[in-house]
Amino acid sequence: MDCIFCKIANGEIKSSYIAENETFVAFDDINPSAPAHILIVPRRHIAKLEELAECDGVAVKSLFSLVNEIVESKGIKSSGYRLIVNQGSDSGQEVEHLHFHILGGRKLGRLG
């Protein structure tokens, strides 16, 4: 499969993970939209959010545990952050591998 996030998650493309667990890896976005802009990517190829929902609850719990670890380490937990998932072309999704964005480090604008 020629998926850039699969290659990052399995180590084919070098990236400095800022956090990881058995299910997900997290790294800084190469084109950040905020002072803190982190991507969280499943290690296995999952194209759509509903595929993650079909997994057992352990994967979902590990996602939110990783989010908590990241926002603490980046110092944005108390000031606030945004957790975003884009699904489909109308949302602006560019890579068809499920991924979550954490944005923070400044006051964020309105959505939409």
Protein backbone atom coordinates (compact mmCIF):
# COMPACT_ATOMS: atom_id res chain seq x y z
CA MET A 1 0.00 0.00 0.00
CA ASP A 2 1.32 3.43 -0.91
CA CYS A 3 0.05 5.35 2.12
CA ILE A 4 2.36 7.97 3.63
CA PHE A 5 0.88 7.55 7.12
CA CYS A 6 1.33 3.76 6.97
CA LYS A 7 4.96 4.35 6.01
CA ILE A 8 5.47 6.76 8.91
CA ALA A 9 3.70 4.44 11.37
CA ASN A 10 5.75 1.38 10.38
CA GLY A 11 9.07 3.25 10.23
CA GLU A 12 9.63 3.22 6.44
CA ILE A 13 9.67 7.02 6.56
CA LYS A 14 11.60 8.46 9.48
CA SER A 15 9.64 10.67 11.82
CA SER A 16 10.20 11.79 15.37
CA TYR A 17 7.27 10.46 17.34
CA ILE A 18 6.28 12.73 20.19
CA ALA A 19 4.13 9.97 21.69
CA GLU A 20 3.06 6.45 20.83
CA ASN A 21 1.30 3.38 22.13
CA GLU A 22 0.46 -0.04 20.70
CA THR A 23 -2.31 1.37 18.48
CA PHE A 24 -1.27 4.92 17.52
CA VAL A 25 1.74 7.11 16.78
CA ALA A 26 1.83 10.90 17.13
CA PHE A 27 4.11 13.43 15.47
CA ASP A 28 4.21 17.14 14.69
CA ASP A 29 2.40 18.24 11.52
CA ILE A 30 4.83 19.37 8.80
CA ASN A 31 2.53 22.31 7.91
CA PRO A 32 1.26 23.45 11.30
CA SER A 33 -1.92 25.52 11.62
CA ALA A 34 -1.18 26.43 15.25
CA PRO A 35 1.87 26.59 17.53
CA ALA A 36 1.00 23.07 18.65
CA HIS A 37 -0.27 20.94 15.74
CA ILE A 38 0.11 17.22 16.26
CA LEU A 39 -1.18 14.34 14.14
CA ILE A 40 -2.27 11.06 15.72
CA VAL A 41 -2.30 8.15 13.27
CA PRO A 42 -3.36 4.52 13.74
CA ARG A 43 -0.47 2.09 13.21
CA ARG A 44 -2.62 -0.06 10.93
CA HIS A 45 -4.35 1.36 7.88
CA ILE A 46 -7.81 2.56 8.79
CA ALA A 47 -9.42 4.64 6.06
CA LYS A 48 -12.55 5.89 7.82
CA LEU A 49 -13.68 6.81 11.30
CA GLU A 50 -16.39 4.15 11.28
CA GLU A 51 -13.69 1.49 10.91
CA LEU A 52 -12.20 2.62 14.21
CA ALA A 53 -15.66 2.50 15.77
CA GLU A 54 -15.88 -1.15 14.71
CA CYS A 55 -12.72 -1.93 16.73
CA ASP A 56 -12.98 -2.88 20.34
CA GLY A 57 -13.16 -0.11 22.91
CA VAL A 58 -9.51 -0.58 23.85
CA ALA A 59 -8.39 1.24 20.67
CA VAL A 60 -10.68 4.18 21.34
CA LYS A 61 -9.58 4.36 24.98
CA SER A 62 -5.92 4.27 23.92
CA LEU A 63 -6.56 7.19 21.55
CA PHE A 64 -7.91 9.40 24.32
CA SER A 65 -5.15 8.34 26.71
CA LEU A 66 -2.60 9.39 24.09
CA VAL A 67 -4.39 12.72 23.53
CA ASN A 68 -4.22 13.41 27.27
CA GLU A 69 -0.51 12.54 27.37
CA ILE A 70 0.23 14.83 24.41
CA VAL A 71 -1.70 17.89 25.61
CA GLU A 72 -0.01 17.60 29.01
CA SER A 73 3.47 17.32 27.49
CA LYS A 74 2.83 20.23 25.09
CA GLY A 75 1.51 22.42 27.92
CA ILE A 76 -1.88 23.07 26.30
CA LYS A 77 -4.15 21.04 28.57
CA SER A 78 -5.21 23.92 30.82
CA SER A 79 -5.40 26.67 28.17
CA GLY A 80 -7.41 24.55 25.74
CA TYR A 81 -6.97 22.67 22.50
CA ARG A 82 -8.99 21.35 19.59
CA LEU A 83 -9.19 17.68 18.57
CA ILE A 84 -10.24 17.34 14.93
CA VAL A 85 -10.89 14.50 12.53
CA ASN A 86 -11.60 15.29 8.88
CA GLN A 87 -13.64 12.67 7.04
CA GLY A 88 -14.00 12.78 3.26
CA SER A 89 -13.09 15.28 0.58
CA ASP A 90 -15.62 17.97 1.60
CA SER A 91 -13.96 18.16 5.03
CA GLY A 92 -10.54 18.82 3.54
CA GLN A 93 -9.13 15.35 4.25
CA GLU A 94 -5.98 14.96 2.15
CA VAL A 95 -4.66 11.55 3.22
CA GLU A 96 -7.08 8.62 3.18
CA HIS A 97 -5.74 7.17 6.41
CA LEU A 98 -7.68 8.09 9.52
CA HIS A 99 -5.84 10.73 11.54
CA PHE A 100 -6.60 13.16 14.29
CA HIS A 101 -5.30 16.71 14.64
CA ILE A 102 -4.58 18.33 17.99
CA LEU A 103 -4.37 22.12 17.67
CA GLY A 104 -3.45 24.49 20.47
CA GLY A 105 -0.97 26.97 21.81
CA ARG A 106 -3.01 30.07 20.93
CA LYS A 107 -6.61 31.23 20.83
CA LEU A 108 -8.26 29.34 17.98
CA GLY A 109 -10.85 30.84 15.63
CA ARG A 110 -14.38 29.66 14.96
CA LEU A 111 -15.04 26.43 13.10
CA GLY A 112 -16.51 26.28 9.61
